[in-house]
Amino acid sequence: MTARFEAGIESLLTETAAAHREASHVSDGVDPEWPLWYATYLAERLPDVSNFMGTRSELVFWLVRLAEEYQATDSSIPWARFYATRLAAL
């Protein structure tokens, strides 16, 4: 079942990144608090494309953890797919 959710989550993450870039254009895309922004954006939308029913705080936790994991890998997998695969398994 998790594979069914991956594409929807990946698409939502890509949409979230675009919305964040637009919202943070004033700071030239630099936002050390990006997990908070992403979690707020995702909290209402993620249940529509996945079985994730966690809180915004849980999303912040997972986004930070996934960012650390992604940075620690030498992966050629796009970040949104990497995150989606893991979030779909929650």
PDB file of N, CA and C in Angstrom:
ATOM      1  N   MET A   1       0.822  -1.197   0.000  1.00  0.00           N
ATOM      2  CA  MET A   1       0.000   0.000   0.000  1.00  0.00           C
ATOM      3  C   MET A   1       0.863   1.257   0.000  1.00  0.00           C
ATOM      4  N   THR A   2       2.027   1.217   0.626  1.00  0.00           N
ATOM      5  CA  THR A   2       2.855   2.423   0.689  1.00  0.00           C
ATOM      6  C   THR A   2       3.272   2.905  -0.691  1.00  0.00           C
ATOM      7  N   ALA A   3       3.509   1.982  -1.605  1.00  0.00           N
ATOM      8  CA  ALA A   3       3.896   2.386  -2.968  1.00  0.00           C
ATOM      9  C   ALA A   3       2.808   3.227  -3.616  1.00  0.00           C
ATOM     10  N   ARG A   4       1.558   2.954  -3.266  1.00  0.00           N
ATOM     11  CA  ARG A   4       0.431   3.709  -3.813  1.00  0.00           C
ATOM     12  C   ARG A   4       0.488   5.181  -3.407  1.00  0.00           C
ATOM     13  N   PHE A   5       1.000   5.430  -2.211  1.00  0.00           N
ATOM     14  CA  PHE A   5       1.041   6.794  -1.696  1.00  0.00           C
ATOM     15  C   PHE A   5       2.258   7.582  -2.169  1.00  0.00           C
ATOM     16  N   GLU A   6       3.322   6.898  -2.561  1.00  0.00           N
ATOM     17  CA  GLU A   6       4.589   7.571  -2.855  1.00  0.00           C
ATOM     18  C   GLU A   6       4.475   8.658  -3.918  1.00  0.00           C
ATOM     19  N   ALA A   7       3.814   8.365  -5.016  1.00  0.00           N
ATOM     20  CA  ALA A   7       3.703   9.359  -6.097  1.00  0.00           C
ATOM     21  C   ALA A   7       2.941  10.595  -5.636  1.00  0.00           C
ATOM     22  N   GLY A   8       1.868  10.398  -4.897  1.00  0.00           N
ATOM     23  CA  GLY A   8       1.097  11.535  -4.396  1.00  0.00           C
ATOM     24  C   GLY A   8       1.885  12.379  -3.417  1.00  0.00           C
ATOM     25  N   ILE A   9       2.652  11.726  -2.545  1.00  0.00           N
ATOM     26  CA  ILE A   9       3.466  12.454  -1.578  1.00  0.00           C
ATOM     27  C   ILE A   9       4.592  13.190  -2.293  1.00  0.00           C
ATOM     28  N   GLU A  10       5.224  12.525  -3.249  1.00  0.00           N
ATOM     29  CA  GLU A  10       6.306  13.172  -4.005  1.00  0.00           C
ATOM     30  C   GLU A  10       5.793  14.419  -4.721  1.00  0.00           C
ATOM     31  N   SER A  11       4.641  14.315  -5.346  1.00  0.00           N
ATOM     32  CA  SER A  11       4.044  15.458  -6.036  1.00  0.00           C
ATOM     33  C   SER A  11       3.731  16.583  -5.044  1.00  0.00           C
ATOM     34  N   LEU A  12       3.202  16.229  -3.896  1.00  0.00           N
ATOM     35  CA  LEU A  12       2.877  17.222  -2.874  1.00  0.00           C
ATOM     36  C   LEU A  12       4.142  17.899  -2.346  1.00  0.00           C
ATOM     37  N   LEU A  13       5.207  17.144  -2.165  1.00  0.00           N
ATOM     38  CA  LEU A  13       6.466  17.732  -1.708  1.00  0.00           C
ATOM     39  C   LEU A  13       7.030  18.697  -2.741  1.00  0.00           C
ATOM     40  N   THR A  14       6.916  18.347  -4.011  1.00  0.00           N
ATOM     41  CA  THR A  14       7.375  19.232  -5.083  1.00  0.00           C
ATOM     42  C   THR A  14       6.548  20.522  -5.089  1.00  0.00           C
ATOM     43  N   GLU A  15       5.252  20.388  -4.918  1.00  0.00           N
ATOM     44  CA  GLU A  15       4.362  21.556  -4.823  1.00  0.00           C
ATOM     45  C   GLU A  15       4.726  22.414  -3.618  1.00  0.00           C
ATOM     46  N   THR A  16       5.009  21.774  -2.502  1.00  0.00           N
ATOM     47  CA  THR A  16       5.377  22.482  -1.274  1.00  0.00           C
ATOM     48  C   THR A  16       6.659  23.270  -1.473  1.00  0.00           C
ATOM     49  N   ALA A  17       7.642  22.648  -2.123  1.00  0.00           N
ATOM     50  CA  ALA A  17       8.910  23.339  -2.385  1.00  0.00           C
ATOM     51  C   ALA A  17       8.699  24.575  -3.249  1.00  0.00           C
ATOM     52  N   ALA A  18       7.862  24.457  -4.266  1.00  0.00           N
ATOM     53  CA  ALA A  18       7.575  25.601  -5.139  1.00  0.00           C
ATOM     54  C   ALA A  18       6.881  26.715  -4.362  1.00  0.00           C
ATOM     55  N   ALA A  19       5.920  26.350  -3.539  1.00  0.00           N
ATOM     56  CA  ALA A  19       5.210  27.353  -2.740  1.00  0.00           C
ATOM     57  C   ALA A  19       6.162  28.013  -1.743  1.00  0.00           C
ATOM     58  N   HIS A  20       7.062  27.240  -1.178  1.00  0.00           N
ATOM     59  CA  HIS A  20       8.033  27.793  -0.224  1.00  0.00           C
ATOM     60  C   HIS A  20       8.997  28.753  -0.916  1.00  0.00           C
ATOM     61  N   ARG A  21       9.461  28.380  -2.116  1.00  0.00           N
ATOM     62  CA  ARG A  21      10.343  29.277  -2.863  1.00  0.00           C
ATOM     63  C   ARG A  21       9.646  30.614  -3.132  1.00  0.00           C
ATOM     64  N   GLU A  22       8.389  30.533  -3.515  1.00  0.00           N
ATOM     65  CA  GLU A  22       7.623  31.748  -3.794  1.00  0.00           C
ATOM     66  C   GLU A  22       7.443  32.587  -2.528  1.00  0.00           C
ATOM     67  N   ALA A  23       7.150  31.915  -1.425  1.00  0.00           N
ATOM     68  CA  ALA A  23       6.916  32.625  -0.169  1.00  0.00           C
ATOM     69  C   ALA A  23       8.196  33.214   0.412  1.00  0.00           C
ATOM     70  N   SER A  24       9.329  32.590   0.125  1.00  0.00           N
ATOM     71  CA  SER A  24      10.588  33.061   0.720  1.00  0.00           C
ATOM     72  C   SER A  24      11.491  33.764  -0.283  1.00  0.00           C
ATOM     73  N   HIS A  25      10.909  34.277  -1.357  1.00  0.00           N
ATOM     74  CA  HIS A  25      11.728  34.963  -2.359  1.00  0.00           C
ATOM     75  C   HIS A  25      12.436  36.194  -1.801  1.00  0.00           C
ATOM     76  N   VAL A  26      11.858  36.808  -0.798  1.00  0.00           N
ATOM     77  CA  VAL A  26      12.462  37.999  -0.192  1.00  0.00           C
ATOM     78  C   VAL A  26      13.797  37.654   0.455  1.00  0.00           C
ATOM     79  N   SER A  27      13.877  36.477   1.046  1.00  0.00           N
ATOM     80  CA  SER A  27      15.114  36.062   1.710  1.00  0.00           C
ATOM     81  C   SER A  27      16.014  35.265   0.773  1.00  0.00           C
ATOM     82  N   ASP A  28      15.725  35.329  -0.513  1.00  0.00           N
ATOM     83  CA  ASP A  28      16.509  34.626  -1.526  1.00  0.00           C
ATOM     84  C   ASP A  28      16.501  33.115  -1.283  1.00  0.00           C
ATOM     85  N   GLY A  29      15.399  32.611  -0.744  1.00  0.00           N
ATOM     86  CA  GLY A  29      15.238  31.178  -0.536  1.00  0.00           C
ATOM     87  C   GLY A  29      15.907  30.638   0.711  1.00  0.00           C
ATOM     88  N   VAL A  30      16.605  31.479   1.446  1.00  0.00           N
ATOM     89  CA  VAL A  30      17.275  31.032   2.670  1.00  0.00           C
ATOM     90  C   VAL A  30      16.270  31.055   3.810  1.00  0.00           C
ATOM     91  N   ASP A  31      16.023  29.900   4.383  1.00  0.00           N
ATOM     92  CA  ASP A  31      15.060  29.809   5.473  1.00  0.00           C
ATOM     93  C   ASP A  31      15.464  28.675   6.410  1.00  0.00           C
ATOM     94  N   PRO A  32      16.167  29.004   7.490  1.00  0.00           N
ATOM     95  CA  PRO A  32      16.583  27.963   8.417  1.00  0.00           C
ATOM     96  C   PRO A  32      15.404  27.285   9.122  1.00  0.00           C
ATOM     97  N   GLU A  33      14.244  27.894   9.065  1.00  0.00           N
ATOM     98  CA  GLU A  33      13.044  27.334   9.699  1.00  0.00           C
ATOM     99  C   GLU A  33      12.139  26.633   8.686  1.00  0.00           C
ATOM    100  N   TRP A  34      12.706  26.223   7.551  1.00  0.00           N
ATOM    101  CA  TRP A  34      11.909  25.611   6.498  1.00  0.00           C
ATOM    102  C   TRP A  34      11.074  24.420   6.984  1.00  0.00           C
ATOM    103  N   PRO A  35      11.546  23.586   7.918  1.00  0.00           N
ATOM    104  CA  PRO A  35      10.692  22.468   8.335  1.00  0.00           C
ATOM    105  C   PRO A  35       9.358  22.923   8.943  1.00  0.00           C
ATOM    106  N   LEU A  36       9.390  24.044   9.648  1.00  0.00           N
ATOM    107  CA  LEU A  36       8.139  24.576  10.215  1.00  0.00           C
ATOM    108  C   LEU A  36       7.188  25.018   9.112  1.00  0.00           C
ATOM    109  N   TRP A  37       7.735  25.708   8.116  1.00  0.00           N
ATOM    110  CA  TRP A  37       6.914  26.179   6.999  1.00  0.00           C
ATOM    111  C   TRP A  37       6.341  24.986   6.241  1.00  0.00           C
ATOM    112  N   TYR A  38       7.196  24.030   5.901  1.00  0.00           N
ATOM    113  CA  TYR A  38       6.750  22.837   5.171  1.00  0.00           C
ATOM    114  C   TYR A  38       5.676  22.093   5.955  1.00  0.00           C
ATOM    115  N   ALA A  39       5.906  21.912   7.258  1.00  0.00           N
ATOM    116  CA  ALA A  39       4.952  21.159   8.076  1.00  0.00           C
ATOM    117  C   ALA A  39       3.593  21.838   8.101  1.00  0.00           C
ATOM    118  N   THR A  40       3.580  23.140   8.189  1.00  0.00           N
ATOM    119  CA  THR A  40       2.311  23.876   8.183  1.00  0.00           C
ATOM    120  C   THR A  40       1.597  23.673   6.853  1.00  0.00           C
ATOM    121  N   TYR A  41       2.332  23.773   5.764  1.00  0.00           N
ATOM    122  CA  TYR A  41       1.752  23.598   4.426  1.00  0.00           C
ATOM    123  C   TYR A  41       1.266  22.167   4.226  1.00  0.00           C
ATOM    124  N   LEU A  42       2.069  21.206   4.670  1.00  0.00           N
ATOM    125  CA  LEU A  42       1.750  19.792   4.456  1.00  0.00           C
ATOM    126  C   LEU A  42       0.652  19.252   5.367  1.00  0.00           C
ATOM    127  N   ALA A  43       0.523  19.808   6.561  1.00  0.00           N
ATOM    128  CA  ALA A  43      -0.381  19.242   7.567  1.00  0.00           C
ATOM    129  C   ALA A  43      -1.805  19.044   7.057  1.00  0.00           C
ATOM    130  N   GLU A  44      -2.311  19.993   6.307  1.00  0.00           N
ATOM    131  CA  GLU A  44      -3.678  19.894   5.797  1.00  0.00           C
ATOM    132  C   GLU A  44      -3.766  19.042   4.533  1.00  0.00           C
ATOM    133  N   ARG A  45      -2.674  18.950   3.786  1.00  0.00           N
ATOM    134  CA  ARG A  45      -2.708  18.308   2.476  1.00  0.00           C
ATOM    135  C   ARG A  45      -2.247  16.846   2.485  1.00  0.00           C
ATOM    136  N   LEU A  46      -1.336  16.511   3.377  1.00  0.00           N
ATOM    137  CA  LEU A  46      -0.752  15.176   3.386  1.00  0.00           C
ATOM    138  C   LEU A  46      -1.775  14.066   3.624  1.00  0.00           C
ATOM    139  N   PRO A  47      -2.747  14.228   4.519  1.00  0.00           N
ATOM    140  CA  PRO A  47      -3.739  13.159   4.691  1.00  0.00           C
ATOM    141  C   PRO A  47      -4.561  12.859   3.436  1.00  0.00           C
ATOM    142  N   ASP A  48      -4.633  13.802   2.501  1.00  0.00           N
ATOM    143  CA  ASP A  48      -5.374  13.576   1.259  1.00  0.00           C
ATOM    144  C   ASP A  48      -4.655  12.625   0.308  1.00  0.00           C
ATOM    145  N   VAL A  49      -3.331  12.510   0.450  1.00  0.00           N
ATOM    146  CA  VAL A  49      -2.555  11.679  -0.476  1.00  0.00           C
ATOM    147  C   VAL A  49      -1.825  10.530   0.209  1.00  0.00           C
ATOM    148  N   SER A  50      -2.012  10.380   1.511  1.00  0.00           N
ATOM    149  CA  SER A  50      -1.308   9.321   2.230  1.00  0.00           C
ATOM    150  C   SER A  50      -2.131   8.882   3.434  1.00  0.00           C
ATOM    151  N   ASN A  51      -1.557   7.951   4.179  1.00  0.00           N
ATOM    152  CA  ASN A  51      -2.214   7.510   5.406  1.00  0.00           C
ATOM    153  C   ASN A  51      -1.619   8.204   6.624  1.00  0.00           C
ATOM    154  N   PHE A  52      -0.824   9.240   6.404  1.00  0.00           N
ATOM    155  CA  PHE A  52      -0.202   9.964   7.521  1.00  0.00           C
ATOM    156  C   PHE A  52      -1.255  10.788   8.246  1.00  0.00           C
ATOM    157  N   MET A  53      -1.393  10.538   9.528  1.00  0.00           N
ATOM    158  CA  MET A  53      -2.371  11.267  10.326  1.00  0.00           C
ATOM    159  C   MET A  53      -1.705  11.942  11.521  1.00  0.00           C
ATOM    160  N   GLY A  54      -0.405  12.215  11.381  1.00  0.00           N
ATOM    161  CA  GLY A  54       0.350  12.811  12.475  1.00  0.00           C
ATOM    162  C   GLY A  54       0.084  14.300  12.631  1.00  0.00           C
ATOM    163  N   THR A  55       0.713  14.850  13.630  1.00  0.00           N
ATOM    164  CA  THR A  55       0.578  16.270  13.920  1.00  0.00           C
ATOM    165  C   THR A  55       1.616  17.075  13.138  1.00  0.00           C
ATOM    166  N   ARG A  56       1.466  18.372  13.180  1.00  0.00           N
ATOM    167  CA  ARG A  56       2.433  19.258  12.547  1.00  0.00           C
ATOM    168  C   ARG A  56       3.808  19.085  13.201  1.00  0.00           C
ATOM    169  N   SER A  57       3.828  18.918  14.512  1.00  0.00           N
ATOM    170  CA  SER A  57       5.093  18.696  15.217  1.00  0.00           C
ATOM    171  C   SER A  57       5.773  17.415  14.761  1.00  0.00           C
ATOM    172  N   GLU A  58       4.998  16.383  14.542  1.00  0.00           N
ATOM    173  CA  GLU A  58       5.572  15.134  14.031  1.00  0.00           C
ATOM    174  C   GLU A  58       6.131  15.332  12.626  1.00  0.00           C
ATOM    175  N   LEU A  59       5.451  16.114  11.829  1.00  0.00           N
ATOM    176  CA  LEU A  59       5.959  16.411  10.488  1.00  0.00           C
ATOM    177  C   LEU A  59       7.291  17.148  10.554  1.00  0.00           C
ATOM    178  N   VAL A  60       7.410  18.107  11.457  1.00  0.00           N
ATOM    179  CA  VAL A  60       8.677  18.820  11.621  1.00  0.00           C
ATOM    180  C   VAL A  60       9.776  17.822  11.959  1.00  0.00           C
ATOM    181  N   PHE A  61       9.494  16.928  12.906  1.00  0.00           N
ATOM    182  CA  PHE A  61      10.467  15.906  13.288  1.00  0.00           C
ATOM    183  C   PHE A  61      10.909  15.096  12.076  1.00  0.00           C
ATOM    184  N   TRP A  62       9.941  14.587  11.320  1.00  0.00           N
ATOM    185  CA  TRP A  62      10.276  13.745  10.169  1.00  0.00           C
ATOM    186  C   TRP A  62      11.001  14.515   9.080  1.00  0.00           C
ATOM    187  N   LEU A  63      10.623  15.756   8.843  1.00  0.00           N
ATOM    188  CA  LEU A  63      11.304  16.553   7.817  1.00  0.00           C
ATOM    189  C   LEU A  63      12.768  16.802   8.189  1.00  0.00           C
ATOM    190  N   VAL A  64      13.013  17.111   9.453  1.00  0.00           N
ATOM    191  CA  VAL A  64      14.390  17.321   9.908  1.00  0.00           C
ATOM    192  C   VAL A  64      15.174  16.017   9.803  1.00  0.00           C
ATOM    193  N   ARG A  65      14.573  14.938  10.257  1.00  0.00           N
ATOM    194  CA  ARG A  65      15.255  13.637  10.204  1.00  0.00           C
ATOM    195  C   ARG A  65      15.551  13.217   8.761  1.00  0.00           C
ATOM    196  N   LEU A  66      14.585  13.388   7.882  1.00  0.00           N
ATOM    197  CA  LEU A  66      14.787  13.011   6.485  1.00  0.00           C
ATOM    198  C   LEU A  66      15.828  13.894   5.806  1.00  0.00           C
ATOM    199  N   ALA A  67      15.864  15.165   6.159  1.00  0.00           N
ATOM    200  CA  ALA A  67      16.882  16.059   5.599  1.00  0.00           C
ATOM    201  C   ALA A  67      18.274  15.582   6.008  1.00  0.00           C
ATOM    202  N   GLU A  68      18.415  15.201   7.260  1.00  0.00           N
ATOM    203  CA  GLU A  68      19.705  14.697   7.742  1.00  0.00           C
ATOM    204  C   GLU A  68      20.080  13.397   7.036  1.00  0.00           C
ATOM    205  N   GLU A  69      19.113  12.488   6.903  1.00  0.00           N
ATOM    206  CA  GLU A  69      19.371  11.219   6.224  1.00  0.00           C
ATOM    207  C   GLU A  69      19.751  11.449   4.763  1.00  0.00           C
ATOM    208  N   TYR A  70      19.031  12.332   4.108  1.00  0.00           N
ATOM    209  CA  TYR A  70      19.291  12.591   2.692  1.00  0.00           C
ATOM    210  C   TYR A  70      20.673  13.192   2.498  1.00  0.00           C
ATOM    211  N   GLN A  71      21.030  14.127   3.349  1.00  0.00           N
ATOM    212  CA  GLN A  71      22.348  14.758   3.244  1.00  0.00           C
ATOM    213  C   GLN A  71      23.478  13.765   3.522  1.00  0.00           C
ATOM    214  N   ALA A  72      23.195  12.749   4.336  1.00  0.00           N
ATOM    215  CA  ALA A  72      24.210  11.751   4.680  1.00  0.00           C
ATOM    216  C   ALA A  72      24.393  10.700   3.586  1.00  0.00           C
ATOM    217  N   THR A  73      23.478  10.656   2.626  1.00  0.00           N
ATOM    218  CA  THR A  73      23.598   9.683   1.542  1.00  0.00           C
ATOM    219  C   THR A  73      24.251  10.334   0.336  1.00  0.00           C
ATOM    220  N   ASP A  74      24.769   9.498  -0.511  1.00  0.00           N
ATOM    221  CA  ASP A  74      25.326   9.984  -1.774  1.00  0.00           C
ATOM    222  C   ASP A  74      24.374   9.524  -2.871  1.00  0.00           C
ATOM    223  N   SER A  75      23.132   9.894  -2.695  1.00  0.00           N
ATOM    224  CA  SER A  75      22.066   9.372  -3.533  1.00  0.00           C
ATOM    225  C   SER A  75      21.826  10.233  -4.765  1.00  0.00           C
ATOM    226  N   SER A  76      21.535   9.564  -5.844  1.00  0.00           N
ATOM    227  CA  SER A  76      21.128  10.279  -7.052  1.00  0.00           C
ATOM    228  C   SER A  76      19.608  10.387  -7.118  1.00  0.00           C
ATOM    229  N   ILE A  77      18.933   9.864  -6.106  1.00  0.00           N
ATOM    230  CA  ILE A  77      17.474   9.940  -6.026  1.00  0.00           C
ATOM    231  C   ILE A  77      17.082  11.383  -5.701  1.00  0.00           C
ATOM    232  N   PRO A  78      16.139  11.956  -6.430  1.00  0.00           N
ATOM    233  CA  PRO A  78      15.670  13.309  -6.090  1.00  0.00           C
ATOM    234  C   PRO A  78      15.147  13.349  -4.653  1.00  0.00           C
ATOM    235  N   TRP A  79      15.372  14.457  -3.982  1.00  0.00           N
ATOM    236  CA  TRP A  79      15.017  14.558  -2.573  1.00  0.00           C
ATOM    237  C   TRP A  79      13.537  14.262  -2.336  1.00  0.00           C
ATOM    238  N   ALA A  80      12.659  14.760  -3.203  1.00  0.00           N
ATOM    239  CA  ALA A  80      11.221  14.559  -2.987  1.00  0.00           C
ATOM    240  C   ALA A  80      10.862  13.079  -3.045  1.00  0.00           C
ATOM    241  N   ARG A  81      11.490  12.321  -3.913  1.00  0.00           N
ATOM    242  CA  ARG A  81      11.230  10.878  -3.985  1.00  0.00           C
ATOM    243  C   ARG A  81      11.771  10.176  -2.747  1.00  0.00           C
ATOM    244  N   PHE A  82      12.973  10.577  -2.306  1.00  0.00           N
ATOM    245  CA  PHE A  82      13.581  10.015  -1.100  1.00  0.00           C
ATOM    246  C   PHE A  82      12.653  10.217   0.097  1.00  0.00           C
ATOM    247  N   TYR A  83      12.181  11.452   0.292  1.00  0.00           N
ATOM    248  CA  TYR A  83      11.281  11.767   1.401  1.00  0.00           C
ATOM    249  C   TYR A  83       9.962  11.004   1.258  1.00  0.00           C
ATOM    250  N   ALA A  84       9.405  10.986   0.057  1.00  0.00           N
ATOM    251  CA  ALA A  84       8.106  10.352  -0.177  1.00  0.00           C
ATOM    252  C   ALA A  84       8.141   8.867   0.158  1.00  0.00           C
ATOM    253  N   THR A  85       9.219   8.201  -0.235  1.00  0.00           N
ATOM    254  CA  THR A  85       9.332   6.773   0.045  1.00  0.00           C
ATOM    255  C   THR A  85       9.275   6.516   1.543  1.00  0.00           C
ATOM    256  N   ARG A  86       9.947   7.337   2.299  1.00  0.00           N
ATOM    257  CA  ARG A  86       9.983   7.150   3.755  1.00  0.00           C
ATOM    258  C   ARG A  86       8.674   7.600   4.425  1.00  0.00           C
ATOM    259  N   LEU A  87       8.129   8.710   3.981  1.00  0.00           N
ATOM    260  CA  LEU A  87       6.874   9.184   4.583  1.00  0.00           C
ATOM    261  C   LEU A  87       5.719   8.224   4.277  1.00  0.00           C
ATOM    262  N   ALA A  88       5.732   7.608   3.127  1.00  0.00           N
ATOM    263  CA  ALA A  88       4.671   6.664   2.768  1.00  0.00           C
ATOM    264  C   ALA A  88       4.684   5.433   3.662  1.00  0.00           C
ATOM    265  N   ALA A  89       5.838   5.133   4.220  1.00  0.00           N
ATOM    266  CA  ALA A  89       5.968   3.958   5.079  1.00  0.00           C
ATOM    267  C   ALA A  89       5.522   4.221   6.522  1.00  0.00           C
ATOM    268  N   LEU A  90       5.252   5.464   6.866  1.00  0.00           N
ATOM    269  CA  LEU A  90       4.842   5.775   8.239  1.00  0.00           C
ATOM    270  C   LEU A  90       3.421   5.349   8.515  1.00  0.00           C
TER     271      LEU A  90
END
